[in-house]
Protein backbone atom coordinates (compact mmCIF):
# COMPACT_ATOMS: atom_id res chain seq x y z
CA MET A 1 0.17 0.03 -0.13
CA ASP A 2 2.84 2.05 1.18
CA SER A 3 4.10 1.90 -2.79
CA LEU A 4 1.01 2.58 -4.17
CA VAL A 5 0.49 5.98 -2.45
CA GLU A 6 4.16 6.94 -3.19
CA ALA A 7 3.38 5.40 -7.16
CA TYR A 8 -0.02 7.93 -6.68
CA GLN A 9 1.86 11.27 -5.88
CA GLN A 10 4.59 10.88 -8.40
CA THR A 11 1.53 10.22 -10.82
CA ARG A 12 0.16 13.75 -9.31
CA ASN A 13 3.32 15.69 -9.57
CA ALA A 14 3.71 14.53 -13.42
CA ASN A 15 -0.19 15.67 -13.93
CA TYR A 16 0.35 18.88 -12.35
CA LEU A 17 3.58 19.16 -14.36
CA ALA A 18 1.33 18.62 -17.78
CA THR A 19 -0.63 20.84 -16.24
CA CYS A 20 1.21 23.69 -16.12
CA GLY A 21 2.43 23.09 -20.13
CA TYR A 22 -1.11 22.82 -20.75
CA THR A 23 -1.35 26.85 -19.34
CA LEU A 24 1.77 27.89 -21.34
CA ALA A 25 0.31 26.37 -24.55
CA ILE A 26 -3.19 28.37 -24.40
CA ALA A 27 -1.62 31.51 -22.83
CA ASP A 28 0.81 31.44 -25.42
CA PHE A 29 -2.07 30.83 -28.34
CA ILE A 30 -3.69 33.65 -26.74
CA HIS A 31 -1.42 35.69 -26.47
CA THR A 32 0.17 35.51 -30.56
CA PHE A 33 -3.17 34.94 -31.64
CA SER A 34 -3.75 38.83 -33.00
CA GLU A 35 0.03 38.36 -34.76
CA GLU A 36 -1.37 35.37 -36.29
CA VAL A 37 -4.05 36.82 -38.00
CA ARG A 38 -2.14 40.00 -39.00
CA LEU A 39 1.21 37.89 -40.50
CA MET A 40 -0.13 34.35 -40.95
CA TRP A 41 -3.82 34.82 -42.20
CA PRO A 42 -3.47 37.56 -45.65
CA ILE A 43 -0.21 35.66 -47.42
CA PRO A 44 -1.06 33.30 -50.00
CA LEU A 45 -1.28 29.02 -49.46
CA SER A 46 1.80 27.48 -49.40
CA SER A 47 4.02 24.78 -47.35
CA VAL A 48 5.13 27.37 -44.91
CA LYS A 49 1.64 28.35 -44.21
CA VAL A 50 0.10 24.24 -43.80
CA LEU A 51 3.11 23.65 -41.76
CA PHE A 52 2.76 27.18 -39.68
CA PHE A 53 -1.40 25.87 -39.20
CA VAL A 54 -0.52 21.91 -38.62
CA ALA A 55 2.26 22.56 -35.90
CA ARG A 56 0.12 25.59 -34.48
CA TYR A 57 -3.63 24.35 -34.45
CA TYR A 58 -2.47 20.41 -33.94
CA THR A 59 -0.74 21.70 -30.49
CA LEU A 60 -5.12 22.79 -29.98
CA LEU A 61 -5.82 18.72 -30.62
CA HIS A 62 -2.68 17.42 -28.47
CA LEU A 63 -3.83 19.17 -25.59
CA GLY A 64 -7.31 17.33 -25.52
CA LEU A 65 -5.91 13.79 -25.78
CA SER A 66 -3.35 14.56 -23.05
CA ALA A 67 -5.57 15.81 -20.89
CA MET A 68 -7.22 12.14 -21.35
CA TYR A 69 -4.43 11.06 -20.31
CA HIS A 70 -3.56 12.52 -17.34
CA LEU A 71 -6.06 14.40 -15.53
CA ARG A 72 -8.75 11.75 -15.97
CA SER A 73 -8.92 8.77 -13.11
CA GLY A 74 -10.56 5.56 -12.09
CA LEU A 75 -9.58 3.98 -15.85
CA THR A 76 -9.37 0.47 -16.47
CA PRO A 77 -6.30 -1.36 -17.53
CA GLY A 78 -7.13 -0.83 -21.09
CA GLU A 79 -8.26 1.79 -20.96
CA CYS A 80 -5.25 3.82 -19.76
CA THR A 81 -3.59 1.67 -22.14
CA ARG A 82 -4.82 2.98 -24.96
CA ALA A 83 -4.93 6.94 -23.74
CA PHE A 84 -1.12 6.34 -23.08
CA VAL A 85 -0.76 5.13 -26.39
CA GLN A 86 -2.87 8.06 -28.03
CA LEU A 87 -0.69 10.67 -26.45
CA PHE A 88 2.60 9.17 -27.68
CA ILE A 89 1.34 9.37 -31.42
CA SER A 90 -0.36 12.80 -31.04
CA SER A 91 3.30 13.79 -29.37
CA SER A 92 5.33 12.48 -32.49
CA MET A 93 2.92 14.08 -34.92
CA ALA A 94 3.42 17.28 -32.85
CA VAL A 95 7.57 17.46 -32.50
CA LEU A 96 7.50 15.90 -36.45
CA SER A 97 5.75 18.83 -37.77
CA ALA A 98 7.42 21.22 -35.81
CA GLU A 99 10.47 20.05 -36.70
CA VAL A 100 9.84 20.18 -40.65
CA ILE A 101 9.90 24.31 -39.71
CA LEU A 102 12.91 24.06 -38.19
CA TYR A 103 14.73 22.02 -40.93
CA MET A 104 13.00 24.41 -43.73
CA ARG A 105 14.25 27.55 -41.86
CA VAL A 106 17.95 25.66 -42.38
CA TYR A 107 17.56 25.42 -45.71
CA ALA A 108 16.18 28.43 -46.67
CA LEU A 109 19.34 29.88 -44.67
CA SER A 110 21.82 27.71 -46.67
CA GLY A 111 20.70 29.50 -49.96
CA MET A 112 18.39 26.85 -50.71
CA ASN A 113 21.38 24.55 -51.57
CA LYS A 114 20.58 21.46 -52.97
CA ARG A 115 23.02 18.70 -51.28
CA LEU A 116 22.00 20.31 -48.65
CA MET A 117 18.36 19.63 -48.80
CA ALA A 118 19.02 15.92 -49.66
CA TYR A 119 20.95 15.90 -46.98
CA LEU A 120 18.53 17.39 -43.96
CA ALA A 121 16.00 15.23 -45.53
CA ILE A 122 18.39 12.37 -45.39
CA GLN A 123 19.13 13.24 -41.45
CA TYR A 124 15.47 14.05 -40.74
CA LEU A 125 14.20 10.74 -42.07
CA ILE A 126 17.41 8.45 -40.31
CA LEU A 127 16.52 10.25 -36.79
CA HIS A 128 12.73 10.60 -36.73
CA GLY A 129 12.85 7.02 -38.31
CA PHE A 130 14.75 4.60 -35.90
CA ALA A 131 12.65 7.19 -32.28
CA LEU A 132 9.21 6.00 -34.19
CA ARG A 133 10.93 2.50 -33.95
CA PHE A 134 12.03 2.76 -29.68
CA THR A 135 8.67 4.61 -30.04
CA THR A 136 6.68 1.77 -30.71
CA LYS A 137 9.09 -0.20 -28.18
CA ILE A 138 7.40 2.15 -25.63
CA LEU A 139 4.30 1.48 -26.58
CA VAL A 140 4.26 -2.00 -26.81
CA SER A 141 6.22 -2.71 -23.35
CA VAL A 142 3.68 -0.12 -21.12
CA ARG A 143 2.17 -2.22 -18.16
CA PHE A 144 -0.94 -0.69 -16.28
CA GLU A 145 -2.17 -2.77 -13.39
CA PRO A 146 -5.77 -2.82 -11.54
CA SER A 147 -5.69 0.06 -9.09
CA PRO A 148 -7.23 -1.37 -5.43
CA ILE A 149 -8.82 1.98 -4.57
CA PRO A 150 -11.04 3.90 -6.76
CA ASN A 151 -10.44 7.04 -9.40
CA LEU A 152 -6.81 7.17 -9.24
CA PRO A 153 -5.46 8.62 -12.19
CA CYS A 154 -3.12 6.05 -14.72
CA ILE A 155 -0.08 4.78 -13.21
CA PRO A 156 2.62 2.52 -15.04
CA ILE A 157 4.12 0.50 -13.67
CA TYR A 158 6.03 -0.66 -16.10
CA ILE A 159 7.89 1.28 -19.30
CA ASP A 160 11.15 -0.10 -21.49
CA ARG A 161 13.74 2.45 -19.71
CA SER A 162 16.09 1.92 -22.72
CA ALA A 163 14.04 2.39 -25.52
CA ALA A 164 12.33 5.37 -23.65
CA GLY A 165 15.86 7.06 -23.43
CA ILE A 166 17.16 6.22 -26.57
CA VAL A 167 13.69 8.12 -28.01
CA PHE A 168 15.37 11.43 -26.53
CA CYS A 169 19.07 10.82 -27.47
CA LEU A 170 17.50 10.67 -31.03
CA SER A 171 15.88 13.80 -30.33
CA LEU A 172 18.43 16.10 -28.79
CA ALA A 173 20.65 14.42 -31.51
CA SER A 174 18.70 16.29 -34.70
CA THR A 175 18.12 19.37 -32.28
CA ILE A 176 22.33 19.38 -31.82
CA ALA A 177 23.41 18.67 -35.82
CA ILE A 178 20.26 21.08 -37.11
CA MET A 179 21.88 23.96 -34.65
CA ALA A 180 25.42 22.75 -35.55
CA ILE A 181 24.14 23.47 -39.32
CA MET A 182 22.93 26.76 -38.92
CA VAL A 183 26.18 27.95 -37.06
CA TYR A 184 28.31 26.41 -39.88
CA ILE A 185 26.34 28.74 -42.76
CA SER A 186 26.34 31.88 -40.20
CA ARG A 187 30.21 32.10 -39.63
CA ARG A 188 31.04 29.96 -43.16
CA GLN A 189 28.13 32.71 -45.66
CA TYR A 190 27.51 35.43 -43.94
CA ARG A 191 30.31 35.62 -40.99
CA ASP A 192 31.27 39.48 -42.47
CA PHE A 193 27.06 40.35 -43.24
CA GLU A 194 25.95 43.18 -40.83
CA SER A 195 22.01 41.46 -41.82
CA SER A 196 19.17 41.91 -39.12
CA LEU A 197 17.91 39.13 -41.05
CA ILE A 198 20.94 36.97 -40.01
CA SER A 199 21.13 37.86 -36.34
CA LEU A 200 17.37 37.24 -35.69
CA PHE A 201 17.67 33.43 -37.43
CA PHE A 202 21.11 32.98 -34.42
CA ARG A 203 18.99 34.37 -31.75
CA ASP A 204 15.70 32.73 -32.53
CA GLY A 205 18.08 28.98 -33.26
CA VAL A 206 20.05 29.57 -30.40
CA LEU A 207 17.19 29.54 -28.23
CA TYR A 208 15.41 27.18 -30.11
CA PHE A 209 18.23 24.78 -29.72
CA ILE A 210 18.79 25.71 -25.56
CA CYS A 211 14.93 25.28 -24.82
CA LEU A 212 14.57 21.88 -26.58
CA SER A 213 18.04 20.91 -25.76
CA THR A 214 17.81 21.55 -21.67
CA LEU A 215 13.85 19.62 -21.55
CA THR A 216 15.71 16.84 -23.73
CA CYS A 217 18.38 16.52 -21.00
CA ALA A 218 15.75 16.25 -18.57
CA ASN A 219 14.03 13.43 -20.59
CA ILE A 220 17.51 11.61 -20.75
CA VAL A 221 17.90 11.34 -17.32
CA SER A 222 14.17 10.55 -16.04
CA SER A 223 13.83 7.44 -18.85
CA ASN A 224 17.24 6.04 -16.99
CA VAL A 225 17.46 6.89 -13.60
CA ALA A 226 13.77 7.86 -12.24
CA PRO A 227 10.28 5.35 -11.16
CA PRO A 228 7.72 5.09 -13.55
CA PRO A 229 5.34 7.90 -12.59
CA TYR A 230 8.76 10.18 -13.14
CA LYS A 231 9.59 8.41 -16.68
CA PHE A 232 8.37 11.27 -19.03
CA ILE A 233 7.72 14.16 -16.68
CA THR A 234 8.97 16.60 -18.41
CA LEU A 235 7.30 15.33 -22.06
CA GLU A 236 4.72 17.60 -22.35
CA PRO A 237 6.96 20.61 -21.89
CA GLN A 238 9.44 19.43 -24.33
CA VAL A 239 6.11 18.64 -26.85
CA LEU A 240 4.68 21.60 -26.90
CA SER A 241 7.83 23.86 -26.56
CA HIS A 242 8.55 22.53 -29.89
CA SER A 243 5.11 23.40 -31.17
CA ILE A 244 5.52 27.04 -29.41
CA LEU A 245 8.50 28.07 -30.73
CA ALA A 246 8.44 26.47 -34.27
CA THR A 247 5.36 28.55 -34.82
CA ARG A 248 6.79 31.74 -32.94
CA MET A 249 10.16 31.66 -34.84
CA LEU A 250 8.05 31.58 -38.43
CA MET A 251 6.16 34.76 -37.45
CA HIS A 252 9.23 36.73 -36.30
CA LEU A 253 10.27 36.13 -39.44
CA ARG A 254 7.32 37.12 -41.50
CA GLY A 255 7.16 40.58 -38.95
CA TRP A 256 10.73 41.46 -39.69
CA ALA A 257 9.39 41.05 -43.56
CA GLU A 258 6.66 43.21 -43.01
CA ARG A 259 8.78 45.91 -40.83
CA ASP A 260 11.00 46.08 -43.83
CA LEU A 261 8.58 46.44 -46.72
CA THR A 262 7.12 49.12 -44.83
CA ARG A 263 10.43 50.82 -43.62
CA GLY A 264 11.10 53.13 -46.74
CA ALA A 265 8.61 55.41 -48.59
CA SER A 266 9.03 53.00 -51.85
CA HIS A 267 6.46 50.89 -53.03
CA ARG A 268 8.68 48.63 -54.48
CA SER A 269 9.33 45.49 -52.20
CA VAL A 270 12.49 44.88 -51.12
CA TRP A 271 12.39 41.58 -52.90
CA ASP A 272 12.73 43.81 -56.61
CA ILE A 273 14.77 45.44 -55.55
CA GLU A 274 17.14 42.36 -54.98
CA LEU A 275 16.07 40.69 -57.92
CA SER A 276 17.12 43.50 -60.27
CA MET A 277 20.20 43.57 -58.58
CA MET A 278 20.77 40.38 -59.47
CA CYS A 279 20.12 40.66 -62.85
CA ARG A 280 22.81 42.45 -63.39
CA ASP A 281 25.03 41.33 -62.14
CA PRO A 282 25.03 36.91 -63.13
CA GLU A 283 27.71 36.18 -61.16
CA ARG A 284 25.54 36.45 -57.81
CA THR A 285 23.76 33.72 -57.77
CA ASN A 286 23.17 32.98 -53.96
CA PRO A 287 19.11 34.53 -53.10
CA LEU A 288 20.08 35.41 -49.58
CA SER A 289 23.06 38.39 -50.53
CA THR A 290 23.27 41.82 -50.23
CA HIS A 291 23.29 44.55 -52.41
CA SER A 292 27.12 45.03 -52.87
CA GLU A 293 29.61 41.83 -53.29
CA VAL A 294 31.94 42.41 -49.57
CA PRO A 295 35.77 42.32 -50.84
CA ALA A 296 37.90 39.31 -48.68
CA GLY A 297 38.70 40.81 -44.86
CA GLY A 298 36.92 43.30 -45.23
CA ARG A 299 33.15 44.84 -45.25
CA ALA A 300 32.52 47.02 -48.73
CA GLU A 301 31.95 50.87 -48.43
CA GLY A 302 28.63 52.45 -49.06
CA THR A 303 26.07 49.62 -48.65
CA ASP A 304 23.92 48.85 -46.28
CA HIS A 305 24.06 44.72 -45.79
CA ARG A 306 20.72 43.54 -45.74
CA LEU A 307 19.21 40.82 -46.81
CA ASP A 308 16.63 41.80 -48.96
CA ASN A 309 14.61 38.63 -50.24
CA PRO A 310 11.74 37.58 -47.36
CA GLY A 311 10.96 34.76 -50.08
CA ILE A 312 9.18 32.25 -47.29
CA LEU A 313 7.74 35.03 -44.87
CA GLU A 314 5.60 36.57 -47.47
CA GLY A 315 4.18 33.27 -48.33
CA ARG A 316 5.89 31.92 -51.20
CA ASP A 317 6.37 28.66 -52.32
CA ASP A 318 9.84 28.80 -53.17
CA GLY A 319 11.92 26.87 -50.72
CA GLY A 320 12.58 29.68 -48.04
CA TYR A 321 14.10 32.93 -49.99
CA GLY A 322 15.12 31.95 -53.14
CA ILE A 323 12.82 32.01 -56.54
CA GLU A 324 14.96 30.68 -59.42
CA LYS A 325 17.01 33.60 -61.83
CA SER A 326 16.74 32.79 -64.78
CA ARG A 327 13.33 32.80 -65.36
CA ASP A 328 12.84 35.84 -62.61
CA CYS A 329 15.45 37.64 -64.65
CA GLU A 330 13.51 37.06 -68.01
CA ARG A 331 10.60 37.76 -67.23
CA SER A 332 11.95 41.62 -65.67
CA GLU A 333 13.96 42.27 -68.71
């Protein structure tokens, strides 16, 4: 009986933390809804817009599925197992959709590098493929037993801790890898540029990395050393943080584009200006470029060093920040 009381207290604490995650997600949704309407609703339909709304609104559905597991009591072992399986499948879908946005940001930062796109696709499929495999092992291993006391919450008796630890290690590896690629691209291609867009990319990426890696490390530790009710104590905060940070990063980029487009007196978009510069200079093929070349070892004088093509931010479906150069140059001519 003492062990049951202890397990109940642990489960209650884990459910309280999950409830804190619900509160954070709902508060973030309410706080950013006006920005969503202003920044995301007017842009044309594109893959980026679809991913944004999938990541943002699936979170609300996930909250309901999570509450069905964490906040209900008096369920049978079979009902607890079904609720647990639904929660884990929903968590995987939420993380997968949010990480696609993160991968697309890095692809856009690279200037739509096709080789990098192929690598990112392979990395995404391999890491998350293995993660789904071990997630299946978790779902098969979880066990609940009938409670001698009525109206208790679902208390797991056994969970495959090795499989859980591997899933979280793979998630951490994905986060570290994408952060390392972002830093490498920033240092290699944009080291000498004074760009508010690159600063925004880097700042949001670092925040995403710190938050997600911290929560993932906490899950790795808890899945290996904590009792069963605490195995996934920070799972809900991690899943919800994925969606919150991914959608906020897109709104930040869209807000940057809106401010940049309204900063001057001209009605021409900065994308039109950048396109005309590219057409005049055939050597400039990187769609994430400034108005003039930067000489080796220094900065070009008289340039504003700003990135002026918020393609992904304006809702275009060109992969982020690029447009096929030859086609648009011919059209402009």
